[in-house]
């Protein structure tokens, strides 16, 4: 197994947001990619990779490794005041099926 292909699979899922079961067949099996993703997520590998790439991108753009200022517009503040995290939870929650529609109810 080529670890580069596993990284490609993890990056595919992270960049497209596709479900694991729809991972393209030219990548390693979904169980293998998910196993590595889960392991790297738990041990901090993904976060370390993200941070290193972030620093390199900023340095290649001739900027400091960490930003010294931030801009917050009024629209961002308004949406945060209205409970942004709750809205995100609502979007990411799975829709519930009715029993009649799922075929369990008779």
PDB file of N, CA and C in Angstrom:
ATOM      1  N   UNK A   1       0.843  -1.181   0.000  1.00  0.00           N
ATOM      2  CA  UNK A   1       0.000   0.000   0.000  1.00  0.00           C
ATOM      3  C   UNK A   1       0.888   1.244   0.000  1.00  0.00           C
ATOM      4  N   UNK A   2       0.526   2.200  -0.819  1.00  0.00           N
ATOM      5  CA  UNK A   2       1.243   3.456  -0.949  1.00  0.00           C
ATOM      6  C   UNK A   2       0.611   4.485  -0.014  1.00  0.00           C
ATOM      7  N   UNK A   3       1.390   4.981   0.958  1.00  0.00           N
ATOM      8  CA  UNK A   3       0.856   5.929   1.942  1.00  0.00           C
ATOM      9  C   UNK A   3       0.430   7.237   1.268  1.00  0.00           C
ATOM     10  N   UNK A   4       1.069   7.571   0.146  1.00  0.00           N
ATOM     11  CA  UNK A   4       0.699   8.779  -0.591  1.00  0.00           C
ATOM     12  C   UNK A   4      -0.752   8.677  -1.086  1.00  0.00           C
ATOM     13  N   UNK A   5      -1.155   7.502  -1.504  1.00  0.00           N
ATOM     14  CA  UNK A   5      -2.537   7.298  -1.953  1.00  0.00           C
ATOM     15  C   UNK A   5      -3.517   7.451  -0.790  1.00  0.00           C
ATOM     16  N   UNK A   6      -3.114   7.020   0.402  1.00  0.00           N
ATOM     17  CA  UNK A   6      -3.960   7.198   1.586  1.00  0.00           C
ATOM     18  C   UNK A   6      -4.122   8.690   1.879  1.00  0.00           C
ATOM     19  N   UNK A   7      -3.005   9.443   1.807  1.00  0.00           N
ATOM     20  CA  UNK A   7      -3.075  10.895   2.008  1.00  0.00           C
ATOM     21  C   UNK A   7      -3.984  11.521   0.950  1.00  0.00           C
ATOM     22  N   UNK A   8      -3.871  11.067  -0.291  1.00  0.00           N
ATOM     23  CA  UNK A   8      -4.756  11.574  -1.351  1.00  0.00           C
ATOM     24  C   UNK A   8      -6.223  11.309  -1.012  1.00  0.00           C
ATOM     25  N   UNK A   9      -6.517  10.132  -0.473  1.00  0.00           N
ATOM     26  CA  UNK A   9      -7.887   9.806  -0.082  1.00  0.00           C
ATOM     27  C   UNK A   9      -8.390  10.693   1.039  1.00  0.00           C
ATOM     28  N   UNK A  10      -7.552  10.914   2.056  1.00  0.00           N
ATOM     29  CA  UNK A  10      -7.935  11.800   3.164  1.00  0.00           C
ATOM     30  C   UNK A  10      -8.170  13.208   2.645  1.00  0.00           C
ATOM     31  N   UNK A  11      -7.269  13.685   1.806  1.00  0.00           N
ATOM     32  CA  UNK A  11      -7.412  15.044   1.260  1.00  0.00           C
ATOM     33  C   UNK A  11      -8.665  15.158   0.375  1.00  0.00           C
ATOM     34  N   UNK A  12      -8.986  14.104  -0.339  1.00  0.00           N
ATOM     35  CA  UNK A  12     -10.184  14.118  -1.187  1.00  0.00           C
ATOM     36  C   UNK A  12     -11.438  14.307  -0.332  1.00  0.00           C
ATOM     37  N   UNK A  13     -11.530  13.531   0.738  1.00  0.00           N
ATOM     38  CA  UNK A  13     -12.706  13.630   1.612  1.00  0.00           C
ATOM     39  C   UNK A  13     -12.763  15.006   2.277  1.00  0.00           C
ATOM     40  N   UNK A  14     -11.614  15.487   2.757  1.00  0.00           N
ATOM     41  CA  UNK A  14     -11.597  16.776   3.443  1.00  0.00           C
ATOM     42  C   UNK A  14     -11.892  17.939   2.496  1.00  0.00           C
ATOM     43  N   UNK A  15     -11.416  17.863   1.260  1.00  0.00           N
ATOM     44  CA  UNK A  15     -11.614  18.978   0.337  1.00  0.00           C
ATOM     45  C   UNK A  15     -12.988  18.975  -0.327  1.00  0.00           C
ATOM     46  N   UNK A  16     -13.557  17.789  -0.553  1.00  0.00           N
ATOM     47  CA  UNK A  16     -14.853  17.734  -1.230  1.00  0.00           C
ATOM     48  C   UNK A  16     -16.024  17.606  -0.263  1.00  0.00           C
ATOM     49  N   UNK A  17     -15.747  17.063   0.920  1.00  0.00           N
ATOM     50  CA  UNK A  17     -16.830  16.846   1.872  1.00  0.00           C
ATOM     51  C   UNK A  17     -17.679  15.636   1.534  1.00  0.00           C
ATOM     52  N   UNK A  18     -17.183  14.779   0.642  1.00  0.00           N
ATOM     53  CA  UNK A  18     -17.967  13.607   0.255  1.00  0.00           C
ATOM     54  C   UNK A  18     -18.032  12.608   1.403  1.00  0.00           C
ATOM     55  N   UNK A  19     -18.990  11.729   1.342  1.00  0.00           N
ATOM     56  CA  UNK A  19     -19.111  10.683   2.345  1.00  0.00           C
ATOM     57  C   UNK A  19     -18.068   9.610   2.060  1.00  0.00           C
ATOM     58  N   UNK A  20     -17.669   8.915   3.119  1.00  0.00           N
ATOM     59  CA  UNK A  20     -16.614   7.905   2.979  1.00  0.00           C
ATOM     60  C   UNK A  20     -17.002   6.851   1.946  1.00  0.00           C
ATOM     61  N   UNK A  21     -18.273   6.482   1.909  1.00  0.00           N
ATOM     62  CA  UNK A  21     -18.678   5.404   0.992  1.00  0.00           C
ATOM     63  C   UNK A  21     -18.581   5.813  -0.476  1.00  0.00           C
ATOM     64  N   UNK A  22     -18.462   7.124  -0.752  1.00  0.00           N
ATOM     65  CA  UNK A  22     -18.351   7.594  -2.136  1.00  0.00           C
ATOM     66  C   UNK A  22     -16.912   7.923  -2.526  1.00  0.00           C
ATOM     67  N   UNK A  23     -15.955   7.442  -1.759  1.00  0.00           N
ATOM     68  CA  UNK A  23     -14.548   7.623  -2.095  1.00  0.00           C
ATOM     69  C   UNK A  23     -14.292   6.937  -3.437  1.00  0.00           C
ATOM     70  N   UNK A  24     -13.641   7.620  -4.378  1.00  0.00           N
ATOM     71  CA  UNK A  24     -13.411   7.012  -5.697  1.00  0.00           C
ATOM     72  C   UNK A  24     -12.665   5.682  -5.610  1.00  0.00           C
ATOM     73  N   UNK A  25     -12.960   4.807  -6.528  1.00  0.00           N
ATOM     74  CA  UNK A  25     -12.400   3.450  -6.522  1.00  0.00           C
ATOM     75  C   UNK A  25     -10.902   3.420  -6.837  1.00  0.00           C
ATOM     76  N   UNK A  26     -10.356   4.499  -7.426  1.00  0.00           N
ATOM     77  CA  UNK A  26      -8.928   4.504  -7.731  1.00  0.00           C
ATOM     78  C   UNK A  26      -8.073   4.850  -6.508  1.00  0.00           C
ATOM     79  N   UNK A  27      -8.710   5.140  -5.382  1.00  0.00           N
ATOM     80  CA  UNK A  27      -8.010   5.384  -4.119  1.00  0.00           C
ATOM     81  C   UNK A  27      -8.088   4.117  -3.272  1.00  0.00           C
ATOM     82  N   UNK A  28      -7.296   4.039  -2.189  1.00  0.00           N
ATOM     83  CA  UNK A  28      -7.369   2.835  -1.337  1.00  0.00           C
ATOM     84  C   UNK A  28      -8.781   2.637  -0.763  1.00  0.00           C
ATOM     85  N   UNK A  29      -9.083   1.461  -0.224  1.00  0.00           N
ATOM     86  CA  UNK A  29     -10.416   1.203   0.336  1.00  0.00           C
ATOM     87  C   UNK A  29     -10.790   2.228   1.400  1.00  0.00           C
ATOM     88  N   UNK A  30     -12.078   2.520   1.484  1.00  0.00           N
ATOM     89  CA  UNK A  30     -12.555   3.538   2.433  1.00  0.00           C
ATOM     90  C   UNK A  30     -12.192   3.179   3.870  1.00  0.00           C
ATOM     91  N   UNK A  31     -12.192   1.900   4.201  1.00  0.00           N
ATOM     92  CA  UNK A  31     -11.860   1.502   5.573  1.00  0.00           C
ATOM     93  C   UNK A  31     -10.409   1.845   5.905  1.00  0.00           C
ATOM     94  N   UNK A  32      -9.511   1.662   4.943  1.00  0.00           N
ATOM     95  CA  UNK A  32      -8.099   1.991   5.158  1.00  0.00           C
ATOM     96  C   UNK A  32      -7.908   3.493   5.297  1.00  0.00           C
ATOM     97  N   UNK A  33      -8.522   4.255   4.403  1.00  0.00           N
ATOM     98  CA  UNK A  33      -8.383   5.717   4.441  1.00  0.00           C
ATOM     99  C   UNK A  33      -8.982   6.255   5.736  1.00  0.00           C
ATOM    100  N   UNK A  34     -10.140   5.742   6.125  1.00  0.00           N
ATOM    101  CA  UNK A  34     -10.774   6.207   7.360  1.00  0.00           C
ATOM    102  C   UNK A  34      -9.923   5.858   8.578  1.00  0.00           C
ATOM    103  N   UNK A  35      -9.331   4.672   8.586  1.00  0.00           N
ATOM    104  CA  UNK A  35      -8.476   4.253   9.702  1.00  0.00           C
ATOM    105  C   UNK A  35      -7.320   5.244   9.886  1.00  0.00           C
ATOM    106  N   UNK A  36      -6.638   5.569   8.802  1.00  0.00           N
ATOM    107  CA  UNK A  36      -5.525   6.512   8.895  1.00  0.00           C
ATOM    108  C   UNK A  36      -6.028   7.904   9.276  1.00  0.00           C
ATOM    109  N   UNK A  37      -7.135   8.342   8.686  1.00  0.00           N
ATOM    110  CA  UNK A  37      -7.695   9.651   9.025  1.00  0.00           C
ATOM    111  C   UNK A  37      -7.990   9.739  10.523  1.00  0.00           C
ATOM    112  N   UNK A  38      -8.627   8.721  11.056  1.00  0.00           N
ATOM    113  CA  UNK A  38      -8.991   8.698  12.468  1.00  0.00           C
ATOM    114  C   UNK A  38      -7.744   8.713  13.356  1.00  0.00           C
ATOM    115  N   UNK A  39      -6.768   7.897  12.990  1.00  0.00           N
ATOM    116  CA  UNK A  39      -5.525   7.830  13.766  1.00  0.00           C
ATOM    117  C   UNK A  39      -4.781   9.163  13.733  1.00  0.00           C
ATOM    118  N   UNK A  40      -4.648   9.755  12.541  1.00  0.00           N
ATOM    119  CA  UNK A  40      -3.931  11.027  12.406  1.00  0.00           C
ATOM    120  C   UNK A  40      -4.688  12.168  13.065  1.00  0.00           C
ATOM    121  N   UNK A  41      -6.003  12.091  13.058  1.00  0.00           N
ATOM    122  CA  UNK A  41      -6.801  13.123  13.716  1.00  0.00           C
ATOM    123  C   UNK A  41      -6.627  13.047  15.238  1.00  0.00           C
ATOM    124  N   UNK A  42      -6.615  11.833  15.774  1.00  0.00           N
ATOM    125  CA  UNK A  42      -6.485  11.653  17.227  1.00  0.00           C
ATOM    126  C   UNK A  42      -5.087  11.992  17.746  1.00  0.00           C
ATOM    127  N   UNK A  43      -4.057  11.640  17.005  1.00  0.00           N
ATOM    128  CA  UNK A  43      -2.697  11.878  17.510  1.00  0.00           C
ATOM    129  C   UNK A  43      -2.136  13.251  17.143  1.00  0.00           C
ATOM    130  N   UNK A  44      -2.929  14.075  16.452  1.00  0.00           N
ATOM    131  CA  UNK A  44      -2.509  15.447  16.163  1.00  0.00           C
ATOM    132  C   UNK A  44      -1.726  15.608  14.873  1.00  0.00           C
ATOM    133  N   UNK A  45      -1.569  14.542  14.103  1.00  0.00           N
ATOM    134  CA  UNK A  45      -0.808  14.612  12.861  1.00  0.00           C
ATOM    135  C   UNK A  45      -1.453  15.571  11.860  1.00  0.00           C
ATOM    136  N   UNK A  46      -2.774  15.485  11.692  1.00  0.00           N
ATOM    137  CA  UNK A  46      -3.450  16.370  10.733  1.00  0.00           C
ATOM    138  C   UNK A  46      -3.293  17.833  11.129  1.00  0.00           C
ATOM    139  N   UNK A  47      -3.405  18.113  12.410  1.00  0.00           N
ATOM    140  CA  UNK A  47      -3.249  19.490  12.880  1.00  0.00           C
ATOM    141  C   UNK A  47      -1.821  19.983  12.641  1.00  0.00           C
ATOM    142  N   UNK A  48      -0.840  19.125  12.870  1.00  0.00           N
ATOM    143  CA  UNK A  48       0.562  19.503  12.655  1.00  0.00           C
ATOM    144  C   UNK A  48       0.835  19.766  11.174  1.00  0.00           C
ATOM    145  N   UNK A  49       0.293  18.931  10.305  1.00  0.00           N
ATOM    146  CA  UNK A  49       0.459  19.124   8.864  1.00  0.00           C
ATOM    147  C   UNK A  49      -0.183  20.444   8.449  1.00  0.00           C
ATOM    148  N   UNK A  50      -1.387  20.693   8.933  1.00  0.00           N
ATOM    149  CA  UNK A  50      -2.087  21.933   8.598  1.00  0.00           C
ATOM    150  C   UNK A  50      -1.277  23.148   9.037  1.00  0.00           C
ATOM    151  N   UNK A  51      -0.739  23.110  10.257  1.00  0.00           N
ATOM    152  CA  UNK A  51       0.028  24.238  10.767  1.00  0.00           C
ATOM    153  C   UNK A  51       1.294  24.465   9.941  1.00  0.00           C
ATOM    154  N   UNK A  52       2.017  23.379   9.625  1.00  0.00           N
ATOM    155  CA  UNK A  52       3.241  23.513   8.830  1.00  0.00           C
ATOM    156  C   UNK A  52       2.956  24.092   7.446  1.00  0.00           C
ATOM    157  N   UNK A  53       1.903  23.612   6.798  1.00  0.00           N
ATOM    158  CA  UNK A  53       1.542  24.150   5.483  1.00  0.00           C
ATOM    159  C   UNK A  53       1.114  25.614   5.578  1.00  0.00           C
ATOM    160  N   UNK A  54       0.395  25.952   6.631  1.00  0.00           N
ATOM    161  CA  UNK A  54      -0.043  27.330   6.855  1.00  0.00           C
ATOM    162  C   UNK A  54       1.163  28.261   6.973  1.00  0.00           C
ATOM    163  N   UNK A  55       2.142  27.863   7.778  1.00  0.00           N
ATOM    164  CA  UNK A  55       3.345  28.687   7.974  1.00  0.00           C
ATOM    165  C   UNK A  55       4.113  28.818   6.660  1.00  0.00           C
ATOM    166  N   UNK A  56       4.281  27.716   5.927  1.00  0.00           N
ATOM    167  CA  UNK A  56       5.015  27.769   4.659  1.00  0.00           C
ATOM    168  C   UNK A  56       4.318  28.658   3.638  1.00  0.00           C
ATOM    169  N   UNK A  57       2.995  28.594   3.583  1.00  0.00           N
ATOM    170  CA  UNK A  57       2.245  29.447   2.647  1.00  0.00           C
ATOM    171  C   UNK A  57       2.411  30.919   2.999  1.00  0.00           C
ATOM    172  N   UNK A  58       2.341  31.242   4.278  1.00  0.00           N
ATOM    173  CA  UNK A  58       2.513  32.637   4.699  1.00  0.00           C
ATOM    174  C   UNK A  58       3.930  33.125   4.404  1.00  0.00           C
ATOM    175  N   UNK A  59       4.917  32.276   4.663  1.00  0.00           N
ATOM    176  CA  UNK A  59       6.298  32.675   4.399  1.00  0.00           C
ATOM    177  C   UNK A  59       6.572  32.813   2.911  1.00  0.00           C
ATOM    178  N   UNK A  60       5.969  31.949   2.083  1.00  0.00           N
ATOM    179  CA  UNK A  60       6.164  32.066   0.633  1.00  0.00           C
ATOM    180  C   UNK A  60       5.514  33.335   0.088  1.00  0.00           C
ATOM    181  N   UNK A  61       4.509  33.839   0.808  1.00  0.00           N
ATOM    182  CA  UNK A  61       3.874  35.106   0.430  1.00  0.00           C
ATOM    183  C   UNK A  61       4.576  36.287   1.099  1.00  0.00           C
ATOM    184  N   UNK A  62       5.746  36.019   1.690  1.00  0.00           N
ATOM    185  CA  UNK A  62       6.553  37.020   2.381  1.00  0.00           C
ATOM    186  C   UNK A  62       5.787  37.721   3.500  1.00  0.00           C
ATOM    187  N   UNK A  63       5.083  36.923   4.289  1.00  0.00           N
ATOM    188  CA  UNK A  63       4.361  37.421   5.458  1.00  0.00           C
ATOM    189  C   UNK A  63       4.917  36.749   6.701  1.00  0.00           C
ATOM    190  N   UNK A  64       4.632  37.330   7.868  1.00  0.00           N
ATOM    191  CA  UNK A  64       5.031  36.692   9.123  1.00  0.00           C
ATOM    192  C   UNK A  64       4.301  35.361   9.251  1.00  0.00           C
ATOM    193  N   UNK A  65       4.911  34.451   9.989  1.00  0.00           N
ATOM    194  CA  UNK A  65       4.321  33.114  10.161  1.00  0.00           C
ATOM    195  C   UNK A  65       2.947  33.180  10.816  1.00  0.00           C
ATOM    196  N   UNK A  66       2.744  34.135  11.716  1.00  0.00           N
ATOM    197  CA  UNK A  66       1.426  34.288  12.334  1.00  0.00           C
ATOM    198  C   UNK A  66       0.934  35.710  12.096  1.00  0.00           C
ATOM    199  N   UNK A  67      -0.346  35.864  11.789  1.00  0.00           N
ATOM    200  CA  UNK A  67      -0.868  37.205  11.505  1.00  0.00           C
ATOM    201  C   UNK A  67      -0.832  38.106  12.740  1.00  0.00           C
ATOM    202  N   UNK A  68      -0.654  39.402  12.490  1.00  0.00           N
ATOM    203  CA  UNK A  68      -0.585  40.359  13.592  1.00  0.00           C
ATOM    204  C   UNK A  68      -1.870  41.156  13.740  1.00  0.00           C
ATOM    205  N   UNK A  69      -2.801  40.984  12.802  1.00  0.00           N
ATOM    206  CA  UNK A  69      -4.052  41.737  12.865  1.00  0.00           C
ATOM    207  C   UNK A  69      -5.182  40.884  12.307  1.00  0.00           C
ATOM    208  N   UNK A  70      -6.390  41.245  12.680  1.00  0.00           N
ATOM    209  CA  UNK A  70      -7.571  40.552  12.162  1.00  0.00           C
ATOM    210  C   UNK A  70      -8.622  41.580  11.813  1.00  0.00           C
ATOM    211  N   UNK A  71      -9.444  41.258  10.850  1.00  0.00           N
ATOM    212  CA  UNK A  71     -10.534  42.144  10.445  1.00  0.00           C
ATOM    213  C   UNK A  71     -11.841  41.422  10.713  1.00  0.00           C
ATOM    214  N   UNK A  72     -12.730  42.096  11.422  1.00  0.00           N
ATOM    215  CA  UNK A  72     -14.053  41.541  11.695  1.00  0.00           C
ATOM    216  C   UNK A  72     -15.070  42.518  11.146  1.00  0.00           C
ATOM    217  N   UNK A  73     -15.891  42.052  10.228  1.00  0.00           N
ATOM    218  CA  UNK A  73     -16.921  42.943   9.703  1.00  0.00           C
ATOM    219  C   UNK A  73     -18.206  42.796  10.510  1.00  0.00           C
ATOM    220  N   UNK A  74     -19.089  43.753  10.362  1.00  0.00           N
ATOM    221  CA  UNK A  74     -20.304  43.771  11.184  1.00  0.00           C
ATOM    222  C   UNK A  74     -21.211  42.581  10.888  1.00  0.00           C
ATOM    223  N   UNK A  75     -21.187  42.053   9.679  1.00  0.00           N
ATOM    224  CA  UNK A  75     -22.027  40.903   9.358  1.00  0.00           C
ATOM    225  C   UNK A  75     -21.591  39.666  10.140  1.00  0.00           C
ATOM    226  N   UNK A  76     -20.295  39.474  10.281  1.00  0.00           N
ATOM    227  CA  UNK A  76     -19.790  38.327  11.044  1.00  0.00           C
ATOM    228  C   UNK A  76     -20.197  38.424  12.495  1.00  0.00           C
ATOM    229  N   UNK A  77     -20.096  39.614  13.042  1.00  0.00           N
ATOM    230  CA  UNK A  77     -20.449  39.809  14.444  1.00  0.00           C
ATOM    231  C   UNK A  77     -21.932  39.554  14.654  1.00  0.00           C
ATOM    232  N   UNK A  78     -22.775  40.048  13.750  1.00  0.00           N
ATOM    233  CA  UNK A  78     -24.223  39.852  13.886  1.00  0.00           C
ATOM    234  C   UNK A  78     -24.592  38.376  13.845  1.00  0.00           C
ATOM    235  N   UNK A  79     -23.992  37.622  12.933  1.00  0.00           N
ATOM    236  CA  UNK A  79     -24.355  36.204  12.851  1.00  0.00           C
ATOM    237  C   UNK A  79     -23.867  35.445  14.071  1.00  0.00           C
ATOM    238  N   UNK A  80     -22.736  35.840  14.626  1.00  0.00           N
ATOM    239  CA  UNK A  80     -22.242  35.181  15.834  1.00  0.00           C
ATOM    240  C   UNK A  80     -23.145  35.491  17.020  1.00  0.00           C
ATOM    241  N   UNK A  81     -23.668  36.703  17.088  1.00  0.00           N
ATOM    242  CA  UNK A  81     -24.551  37.079  18.192  1.00  0.00           C
ATOM    243  C   UNK A  81     -25.855  36.301  18.148  1.00  0.00           C
ATOM    244  N   UNK A  82     -26.283  35.920  16.965  1.00  0.00           N
ATOM    245  CA  UNK A  82     -27.544  35.197  16.826  1.00  0.00           C
ATOM    246  C   UNK A  82     -27.380  33.710  17.098  1.00  0.00           C
ATOM    247  N   UNK A  83     -26.209  33.288  17.491  1.00  0.00           N
ATOM    248  CA  UNK A  83     -26.028  31.875  17.833  1.00  0.00           C
ATOM    249  C   UNK A  83     -25.523  31.048  16.687  1.00  0.00           C
ATOM    250  N   UNK A  84     -24.465  31.483  16.044  1.00  0.00           N
ATOM    251  CA  UNK A  84     -23.873  30.772  14.927  1.00  0.00           C
ATOM    252  C   UNK A  84     -23.673  29.283  15.159  1.00  0.00           C
ATOM    253  N   UNK A  85     -23.046  28.871  16.283  1.00  0.00           N
ATOM    254  CA  UNK A  85     -22.807  27.438  16.476  1.00  0.00           C
ATOM    255  C   UNK A  85     -24.084  26.599  16.464  1.00  0.00           C
ATOM    256  N   UNK A  86     -25.168  27.107  17.009  1.00  0.00           N
ATOM    257  CA  UNK A  86     -26.422  26.344  16.991  1.00  0.00           C
ATOM    258  C   UNK A  86     -26.908  26.157  15.555  1.00  0.00           C
ATOM    259  N   UNK A  87     -26.738  27.193  14.722  1.00  0.00           N
ATOM    260  CA  UNK A  87     -27.161  27.080  13.338  1.00  0.00           C
ATOM    261  C   UNK A  87     -26.313  26.041  12.608  1.00  0.00           C
ATOM    262  N   UNK A  88     -25.030  25.990  12.896  1.00  0.00           N
ATOM    263  CA  UNK A  88     -24.161  25.004  12.276  1.00  0.00           C
ATOM    264  C   UNK A  88     -24.585  23.603  12.689  1.00  0.00           C
ATOM    265  N   UNK A  89     -24.915  23.436  13.973  1.00  0.00           N
ATOM    266  CA  UNK A  89     -25.367  22.125  14.443  1.00  0.00           C
ATOM    267  C   UNK A  89     -26.620  21.691  13.703  1.00  0.00           C
ATOM    268  N   UNK A  90     -27.531  22.626  13.479  1.00  0.00           N
ATOM    269  CA  UNK A  90     -28.777  22.284  12.791  1.00  0.00           C
ATOM    270  C   UNK A  90     -28.485  21.787  11.378  1.00  0.00           C
ATOM    271  N   UNK A  91     -27.536  22.423  10.695  1.00  0.00           N
ATOM    272  CA  UNK A  91     -27.231  22.048   9.324  1.00  0.00           C
ATOM    273  C   UNK A  91     -26.561  20.686   9.263  1.00  0.00           C
ATOM    274  N   UNK A  92     -25.701  20.392  10.239  1.00  0.00           N
ATOM    275  CA  UNK A  92     -24.946  19.143  10.186  1.00  0.00           C
ATOM    276  C   UNK A  92     -25.702  17.958  10.762  1.00  0.00           C
ATOM    277  N   UNK A  93     -26.842  18.200  11.416  1.00  0.00           N
ATOM    278  CA  UNK A  93     -27.607  17.088  11.980  1.00  0.00           C
ATOM    279  C   UNK A  93     -28.278  16.307  10.861  1.00  0.00           C
ATOM    280  N   UNK A  94     -28.344  15.016  11.013  1.00  0.00           N
ATOM    281  CA  UNK A  94     -28.982  14.159  10.024  1.00  0.00           C
ATOM    282  C   UNK A  94     -30.501  14.304  10.126  1.00  0.00           C
ATOM    283  N   UNK A  95     -31.153  14.382   9.002  1.00  0.00           N
ATOM    284  CA  UNK A  95     -32.605  14.482   8.988  1.00  0.00           C
ATOM    285  C   UNK A  95     -33.207  13.170   9.477  1.00  0.00           C
ATOM    286  N   UNK A  96     -34.246  13.269  10.277  1.00  0.00           N
ATOM    287  CA  UNK A  96     -34.907  12.069  10.787  1.00  0.00           C
ATOM    288  C   UNK A  96     -35.964  11.622   9.793  1.00  0.00           C
ATOM    289  N   UNK A  97     -36.022  10.344   9.556  1.00  0.00           N
ATOM    290  CA  UNK A  97     -37.041   9.788   8.674  1.00  0.00           C
ATOM    291  C   UNK A  97     -38.258   9.409   9.494  1.00  0.00           C
ATOM    292  N   UNK A  98     -39.396   9.547   8.904  1.00  0.00           N
ATOM    293  CA  UNK A  98     -40.584   9.074   9.585  1.00  0.00           C
ATOM    294  C   UNK A  98     -40.644   7.557   9.462  1.00  0.00           C
ATOM    295  N   UNK A  99     -41.286   6.910  10.420  1.00  0.00           N
ATOM    296  CA  UNK A  99     -41.374   5.450  10.373  1.00  0.00           C
ATOM    297  C   UNK A  99     -42.138   4.987   9.141  1.00  0.00           C
ATOM    298  N   UNK A 100     -43.161   5.720   8.780  1.00  0.00           N
ATOM    299  CA  UNK A 100     -43.967   5.324   7.612  1.00  0.00           C
ATOM    300  C   UNK A 100     -43.131   5.359   6.346  1.00  0.00           C
ATOM    301  N   UNK A 101     -42.256   6.341   6.244  1.00  0.00           N
ATOM    302  CA  UNK A 101     -41.473   6.472   5.051  1.00  0.00           C
ATOM    303  C   UNK A 101     -40.342   5.453   4.974  1.00  0.00           C
ATOM    304  N   UNK A 102     -39.843   5.022   6.118  1.00  0.00           N
ATOM    305  CA  UNK A 102     -38.706   4.085   6.102  1.00  0.00           C
ATOM    306  C   UNK A 102     -39.145   2.642   5.873  1.00  0.00           C
ATOM    307  N   UNK A 103     -40.426   2.374   5.930  1.00  0.00           N
ATOM    308  CA  UNK A 103     -40.899   1.014   5.690  1.00  0.00           C
ATOM    309  C   UNK A 103     -40.976   0.167   6.942  1.00  0.00           C
ATOM    310  N   UNK A 104     -40.579   0.700   8.091  1.00  0.00           N
ATOM    311  CA  UNK A 104     -40.622  -0.064   9.339  1.00  0.00           C
ATOM    312  C   UNK A 104     -42.053  -0.080   9.883  1.00  0.00           C
ATOM    313  N   UNK A 105     -42.727   1.001   9.740  1.00  0.00           N
ATOM    314  CA  UNK A 105     -44.082   1.153  10.269  1.00  0.00           C
ATOM    315  C   UNK A 105     -45.064   0.483   9.317  1.00  0.00           C
ATOM    316  N   UNK A 106     -45.985  -0.288   9.858  1.00  0.00           N
ATOM    317  CA  UNK A 106     -46.975  -0.910   8.974  1.00  0.00           C
ATOM    318  C   UNK A 106     -48.382  -0.652   9.453  1.00  0.00           C
TER     319      UNK A 106
END
